Each structure stands twice: as structure tokens, then as C-alpha cells.
Amino acid sequence: MKRLFTICATLWLAAGIVRAADATVRELLAAVAAQPSDAANWLLIPIAGSTVGRDGTVFHTELAIAASPDFYDDARVAVAWLPVGRDASEDPVRYLTIPSEFDASFTLYRDGLGSPGFGALVAAVVDANGALVPLGEIEGEIRVWSQSRCSGEASFAYHAGRAVGVDAGSLAGLTLADGYRSNVGIVNAGAVPRTWRIRYGTLDGGSPSDLSITVPAASSTIVGLDAVTPGPIAVEIESESAGVSWTAWGASVDNASGDAWLSPIAPFRVGLGSP
């Protein structure tokens, strides 16, 4: 039986403002970023959508959202789509109506709310005027899966979270070898393009590989790691600018079985050696 993980994240929303009628992605991101550092007032889904990958594999997303402004009423949720490779700052925010928890536990959306390709999602409970609802609640469950003739089904689920909150972090548990492939994703939830340094190497202290990736504002990117250091690897990701609103993830796939697993960013350095 295929292994399937389901992880929930519950986030309480504090005050923030976006314009109700014609808010842009840039305005929503600025509103949630302006909150205190300890305010859990937004939900970030680091990877979602539908697209064709290697060997013709088609990836899909199943996203379940539950939200309410006050535990009783239906919720108005503002959603920003941060696509791979394109600055979406001036794109309009999309609004959803989510039934209250007394009407339905979750509302299911497929393939990243119908957005083409892959990207990240930022969602927040807002009122009719576009203000983030102080006592609003939103939770999400996300699953990415694929199926191809050669590898069967690959599936993983992960936390809907927030920005990493530090300038550097690490990914653990990924693998590079014959028969495996690994990717790293970075989400830039800021207003200008930013550059990140990605370093990865084997756990035995061998020489790490090093590359720099620039990500447009209000967008995300996916980087395939070259198998120059086969075996279990550690990955370190560092922003070249301080105080950036960002997050990252990594995923490995066993090409033979189709088994897949996700590594969320952790806010600490793994020590791959001196720059």
C-alpha cells in the first residue's frame, strides 16, 4: 500500500491590510510581511500546481483548506500565486470563500487552485475590506503526486508553513545516486529579486558543490541537483541579503519504486566547510 503522509498546519491571523477590490500579489505579501515576527497570520504552501516533469511524468496537487474568521462564519481567503520563474508582483490576488468548520471540514482544490505549472501559494483570511482578520483561522493539507509508466506513483505531503525567518537554513535526508533524483525549491516572497547560495555534499565531509540562484520577486524556482556527490547528502541554502522573506524545500525520488520524500528547510547551518 502506498505510503501517504498528511500534515496539518494551523495558523492564527493578525491584522494587516490589502485592498479588497483590486489587491495585487505585491500588496498581499507586503501586508503579511509587515506583521510582528512572532505573528502567525499567513499560510505559505511552498510548492503546488500541475506540470510535466522528467520522462513525461505529470505532477498533480491536492490541496485541502479549512478556514473561518470567527469559528462560525464562512471565510474570505486571499490567495497569491508565486509561479516558478516569473515575477507575479502585479498579478491580482484571488479570493476564495471557504465554508465554516460547521458546514464542512475542508474544501478540496486540485492542481494548485488550477494555476498552470508549479509555484508557491500564500493565503490569508481577510474581511470584506481586505484586512487580515485578527482571530481568523486557516489550516491546510497538501499532497503532491505523480504517475508515470516507468515508476508508478510518487507521493508526498508536507506542512503549509511560513517564511523560514533566518538568512540561512539546511535540508536533510536527500539522496543523490544512480536511480535517484533530487530537487531544491526556493520561494522569494519579497518585492525585489534576490540571490541564494546552494551548497550540497555527502555526509562524510567530501568537497561540496556550490551554485548561486537568483529568484525574481514574488516567485519561486526549482533546481535539479547534479549527482556529482552520490549518496545521502546535506544541503545548505543561504540568502545573500539579510532579512529576506523566503522559504525553501527539497525532495528526492526513487526512480525505480516511485517513492518520494520531502525535506523542509530547517533554520540552522549544517557546516559543509569554509566558503
Protein backbone atom coordinates (compact mmCIF):
# COMPACT_ATOMS: atom_id res chain seq x y z
CA MET A 1 0.00 0.00 0.00
CA LYS A 2 1.35 3.39 -0.96
CA ARG A 3 2.68 5.45 1.91
CA LEU A 4 0.86 8.74 2.33
CA PHE A 5 1.63 11.40 4.88
CA THR A 6 -0.85 14.11 5.83
CA ILE A 7 0.37 17.04 7.86
CA CYS A 8 -1.82 19.90 9.08
CA ALA A 9 -0.71 23.41 9.92
CA THR A 10 -2.96 25.79 11.85
CA LEU A 11 -2.19 29.48 11.69
CA TRP A 12 -3.88 32.36 13.57
CA LEU A 13 -4.19 35.58 11.58
CA ALA A 14 -3.29 39.02 12.94
CA ALA A 15 -4.08 42.43 11.47
CA GLY A 16 -2.85 43.58 8.05
CA ILE A 17 -4.32 45.46 5.10
CA VAL A 18 -4.73 44.77 1.39
CA ARG A 19 -7.21 46.49 -0.88
CA ALA A 20 -10.35 44.38 -1.26
CA ALA A 21 -11.36 45.13 -4.83
CA ASP A 22 -8.10 45.08 -6.77
CA ALA A 23 -5.29 43.94 -4.46
CA THR A 24 -2.12 42.68 -6.11
CA VAL A 25 0.20 39.90 -5.05
CA ARG A 26 2.76 42.53 -4.04
CA GLU A 27 0.26 44.20 -1.69
CA LEU A 28 -0.77 40.95 -0.03
CA LEU A 29 2.86 39.91 0.51
CA ALA A 30 3.68 43.33 1.97
CA ALA A 31 0.70 43.15 4.32
CA VAL A 32 1.64 39.78 5.79
CA ALA A 33 5.36 40.68 5.98
CA ALA A 34 4.57 43.84 7.99
CA GLN A 35 3.30 41.83 10.96
CA PRO A 36 5.37 41.19 14.10
CA SER A 37 7.92 38.41 13.71
CA ASP A 38 6.00 36.15 16.09
CA ALA A 39 2.61 36.67 14.39
CA ALA A 40 1.28 33.55 12.66
CA ASN A 41 -1.01 35.49 10.34
CA TRP A 42 -0.46 33.80 7.00
CA LEU A 43 -0.09 30.42 5.40
CA LEU A 44 2.57 29.62 2.79
CA ILE A 45 2.45 26.50 0.64
CA PRO A 46 5.97 26.21 -0.84
CA ILE A 47 5.14 24.02 -3.84
CA ALA A 48 1.87 23.27 -5.64
CA GLY A 49 0.46 23.10 -9.15
CA SER A 50 0.49 20.76 -12.11
CA THR A 51 3.15 20.31 -14.78
CA VAL A 52 5.09 17.76 -16.81
CA GLY A 53 8.43 16.69 -15.39
CA ARG A 54 11.22 14.33 -16.39
CA ASP A 55 10.36 11.32 -18.59
CA GLY A 56 6.89 12.75 -19.22
CA THR A 57 5.84 12.39 -15.59
CA VAL A 58 2.78 14.56 -14.86
CA PHE A 59 2.69 16.05 -11.36
CA HIS A 60 -0.56 16.93 -9.59
CA THR A 61 -1.54 18.66 -6.35
CA GLU A 62 -4.37 18.03 -3.93
CA LEU A 63 -4.88 20.95 -1.56
CA ALA A 64 -7.42 20.92 1.27
CA ILE A 65 -8.14 24.19 3.09
CA ALA A 66 -10.27 24.92 6.16
CA ALA A 67 -10.74 28.50 7.33
CA SER A 68 -13.02 30.71 9.40
CA PRO A 69 -12.85 34.32 10.64
CA ASP A 70 -14.56 33.53 13.95
CA PHE A 71 -15.21 29.76 14.12
CA TYR A 72 -18.81 30.21 12.91
CA ASP A 73 -18.96 32.13 9.62
CA ASP A 74 -17.64 31.34 6.16
CA ALA A 75 -14.17 32.71 5.48
CA ARG A 76 -12.96 35.02 2.73
CA VAL A 77 -9.43 33.94 1.83
CA ALA A 78 -6.99 35.99 -0.26
CA VAL A 79 -4.57 33.85 -2.28
CA ALA A 80 -1.36 34.91 -4.05
CA TRP A 81 0.23 32.60 -6.65
CA LEU A 82 4.05 32.82 -6.85
CA PRO A 83 4.90 30.93 -10.07
CA VAL A 84 8.22 29.33 -10.92
CA GLY A 85 10.39 31.72 -12.92
CA ARG A 86 8.12 34.76 -13.22
CA ASP A 87 7.66 37.92 -11.15
CA ALA A 88 3.99 37.90 -10.15
CA SER A 89 4.06 41.14 -8.12
CA GLU A 90 1.39 42.90 -10.16
CA ASP A 91 -0.87 39.89 -10.64
CA PRO A 92 -4.29 40.20 -8.98
CA VAL A 93 -4.96 38.38 -5.74
CA ARG A 94 -7.55 35.62 -6.00
CA TYR A 95 -10.35 35.37 -3.42
CA LEU A 96 -12.00 32.18 -2.21
CA THR A 97 -14.97 31.57 0.03
CA ILE A 98 -14.32 28.70 2.43
CA PRO A 99 -17.33 27.19 4.30
CA SER A 100 -17.11 27.42 8.07
CA GLU A 101 -15.98 24.37 10.02
CA PHE A 102 -19.60 23.73 10.96
CA ASP A 103 -20.52 23.30 7.28
CA ALA A 104 -17.53 21.30 6.05
CA SER A 105 -14.21 20.21 7.48
CA PHE A 106 -12.16 21.01 4.37
CA THR A 107 -12.66 22.33 0.85
CA LEU A 108 -10.61 20.38 -1.71
CA TYR A 109 -8.79 22.06 -4.58
CA ARG A 110 -6.75 20.27 -7.22
CA ASP A 111 -3.59 21.21 -9.09
CA GLY A 112 -2.72 24.33 -7.11
CA LEU A 113 -6.11 26.02 -7.48
CA GLY A 114 -5.95 25.50 -11.22
CA SER A 115 -2.80 27.57 -11.75
CA PRO A 116 -0.59 26.35 -14.63
CA GLY A 117 2.84 24.95 -13.90
CA PHE A 118 4.42 24.88 -10.45
CA GLY A 119 4.62 27.67 -7.89
CA ALA A 120 4.00 28.63 -4.28
CA LEU A 121 0.80 29.86 -2.64
CA VAL A 122 0.31 32.47 0.09
CA ALA A 123 -3.15 32.52 1.66
CA ALA A 124 -4.69 34.69 4.41
CA VAL A 125 -8.16 35.13 5.91
CA VAL A 126 -9.37 38.68 5.15
CA ASP A 127 -12.55 40.66 5.69
CA ALA A 128 -14.63 42.45 3.04
CA ASN A 129 -12.22 45.43 3.16
CA GLY A 130 -9.11 43.32 2.66
CA ALA A 131 -7.86 43.45 6.24
CA LEU A 132 -6.36 40.29 7.72
CA VAL A 133 -8.82 39.03 10.32
CA PRO A 134 -7.18 39.09 13.81
CA LEU A 135 -8.95 35.94 15.05
CA GLY A 136 -9.21 34.17 11.73
CA GLU A 137 -8.01 30.60 11.44
CA ILE A 138 -6.71 28.76 8.39
CA GLU A 139 -5.28 25.28 8.07
CA GLY A 140 -4.17 23.25 5.08
CA GLU A 141 -3.18 19.80 3.97
CA ILE A 142 -1.17 19.45 0.78
CA ARG A 143 -0.22 16.41 -1.29
CA VAL A 144 1.87 16.33 -4.48
CA TRP A 145 1.69 13.15 -6.51
CA SER A 146 2.66 11.85 -9.92
CA GLN A 147 2.25 8.73 -12.00
CA SER A 148 4.23 7.51 -14.99
CA ARG A 149 4.56 4.29 -16.93
CA CYS A 150 8.10 3.67 -15.69
CA SER A 151 7.87 4.48 -11.99
CA GLY A 152 4.31 4.03 -10.78
CA GLU A 153 3.07 6.62 -8.30
CA ALA A 154 5.19 9.03 -6.28
CA SER A 155 3.53 10.88 -3.44
CA PHE A 156 4.47 13.17 -0.59
CA ALA A 157 2.65 15.57 1.71
CA TYR A 158 4.04 18.48 3.69
CA HIS A 159 3.46 21.36 6.05
CA ALA A 160 1.84 24.55 4.96
CA GLY A 161 4.06 26.95 6.90
CA ARG A 162 5.58 30.44 6.82
CA ALA A 163 8.84 32.14 5.89
CA VAL A 164 11.92 30.50 7.33
CA GLY A 165 12.76 33.59 9.42
CA VAL A 166 16.58 33.32 9.11
CA ASP A 167 19.18 34.11 6.46
CA ALA A 168 20.41 30.51 6.12
CA GLY A 169 18.97 27.04 6.58
CA SER A 170 19.52 23.41 5.72
CA LEU A 171 17.83 20.40 4.18
CA ALA A 172 18.45 16.88 5.46
CA GLY A 173 17.58 13.39 4.27
CA LEU A 174 18.01 13.86 0.50
CA THR A 175 19.81 11.36 -1.75
CA LEU A 176 21.84 11.57 -4.95
CA ALA A 177 22.87 8.33 -6.65
CA ASP A 178 22.12 6.13 -9.63
CA GLY A 179 18.38 5.59 -9.60
CA TYR A 180 17.57 8.70 -7.53
CA ARG A 181 16.96 12.34 -8.34
CA SER A 182 16.72 15.36 -6.02
CA ASN A 183 15.43 18.91 -6.41
CA VAL A 184 15.65 22.05 -4.31
CA GLY A 185 12.97 24.74 -4.36
CA ILE A 186 13.24 28.37 -3.18
CA VAL A 187 10.35 30.80 -2.69
CA ASN A 188 11.01 34.55 -2.80
CA ALA A 189 8.09 36.30 -1.09
CA GLY A 190 9.79 39.68 -1.29
CA ALA A 191 9.42 42.75 -3.51
CA VAL A 192 12.74 42.55 -5.41
CA PRO A 193 14.85 39.77 -6.99
CA ARG A 194 17.19 38.01 -4.57
CA THR A 195 20.08 35.57 -4.86
CA TRP A 196 20.65 32.42 -2.82
CA ARG A 197 23.72 30.21 -2.49
CA ILE A 198 23.09 26.45 -2.55
CA ARG A 199 25.84 24.13 -1.28
CA TYR A 200 25.46 20.36 -1.04
CA GLY A 201 27.76 17.48 -0.25
CA THR A 202 27.99 13.99 1.18
CA LEU A 203 27.73 13.39 4.90
CA ASP A 204 31.32 12.09 5.10
CA GLY A 205 32.79 15.56 4.65
CA GLY A 206 33.68 15.42 0.96
CA SER A 207 34.09 18.59 -1.10
CA PRO A 208 30.66 20.23 -1.57
CA SER A 209 29.14 21.51 -4.78
CA ASP A 210 28.28 25.20 -4.88
CA LEU A 211 25.90 27.26 -7.04
CA SER A 212 24.08 30.59 -6.92
CA ILE A 213 20.44 31.06 -7.96
CA THR A 214 18.65 34.38 -8.48
CA VAL A 215 14.88 34.26 -7.96
CA PRO A 216 12.57 37.04 -9.23
CA ALA A 217 10.35 38.91 -6.79
CA ALA A 218 7.06 37.23 -5.85
CA SER A 219 8.08 33.97 -7.47
CA SER A 220 9.77 30.64 -6.89
CA THR A 221 12.30 28.34 -8.53
CA ILE A 222 13.14 24.62 -8.70
CA VAL A 223 16.74 23.47 -9.13
CA GLY A 224 17.73 19.92 -10.05
CA LEU A 225 20.88 18.84 -8.19
CA ASP A 226 23.62 17.22 -10.28
CA ALA A 227 24.67 13.81 -8.99
CA VAL A 228 28.32 14.82 -8.51
CA THR A 229 28.32 13.62 -4.88
CA PRO A 230 26.41 10.30 -4.83
CA GLY A 231 24.73 9.07 -1.68
CA PRO A 232 22.91 10.75 1.21
CA ILE A 233 23.56 14.48 1.11
CA ALA A 234 23.20 17.59 3.26
CA VAL A 235 22.11 20.83 1.61
CA GLU A 236 22.78 24.34 2.86
CA ILE A 237 20.87 27.35 1.46
CA GLU A 238 21.88 30.91 2.31
CA SER A 239 20.38 34.23 1.23
CA GLU A 240 22.93 36.76 0.01
CA SER A 241 20.78 39.52 1.56
CA ALA A 242 19.66 39.77 5.17
CA GLY A 243 16.05 39.92 6.27
CA VAL A 244 14.53 38.39 3.13
CA SER A 245 11.04 36.85 3.27
CA TRP A 246 11.70 33.36 1.86
CA THR A 247 11.45 29.64 2.37
CA ALA A 248 12.84 26.52 0.72
CA TRP A 249 12.29 22.79 0.37
CA GLY A 250 13.95 19.72 -1.09
CA ALA A 251 12.63 16.43 -2.45
CA SER A 252 14.13 13.11 -3.55
CA VAL A 253 12.55 10.44 -5.76
CA ASP A 254 13.47 6.77 -6.12
CA ASN A 255 13.17 6.27 -9.89
CA ALA A 256 12.58 2.53 -9.60
CA SER A 257 9.82 2.46 -6.99
CA GLY A 258 8.42 5.97 -7.42
CA ASP A 259 8.78 6.56 -3.68
CA ALA A 260 9.27 10.26 -2.91
CA TRP A 261 10.01 12.26 0.20
CA LEU A 262 10.19 15.93 1.14
CA SER A 263 12.71 17.80 3.28
CA PRO A 264 11.50 21.15 4.66
CA ILE A 265 14.01 23.92 5.34
CA ALA A 266 15.38 24.00 8.88
CA PRO A 267 16.77 27.26 10.33
CA PHE A 268 20.30 26.16 11.11
CA ARG A 269 23.60 25.66 9.32
CA VAL A 270 24.84 22.14 8.57
CA GLY A 271 28.53 23.02 8.27
CA LEU A 272 29.71 21.97 4.81
CA GLY A 273 33.09 23.63 5.27
CA SER A 274 34.51 27.09 4.70
CA PRO A 275 33.32 29.21 1.73
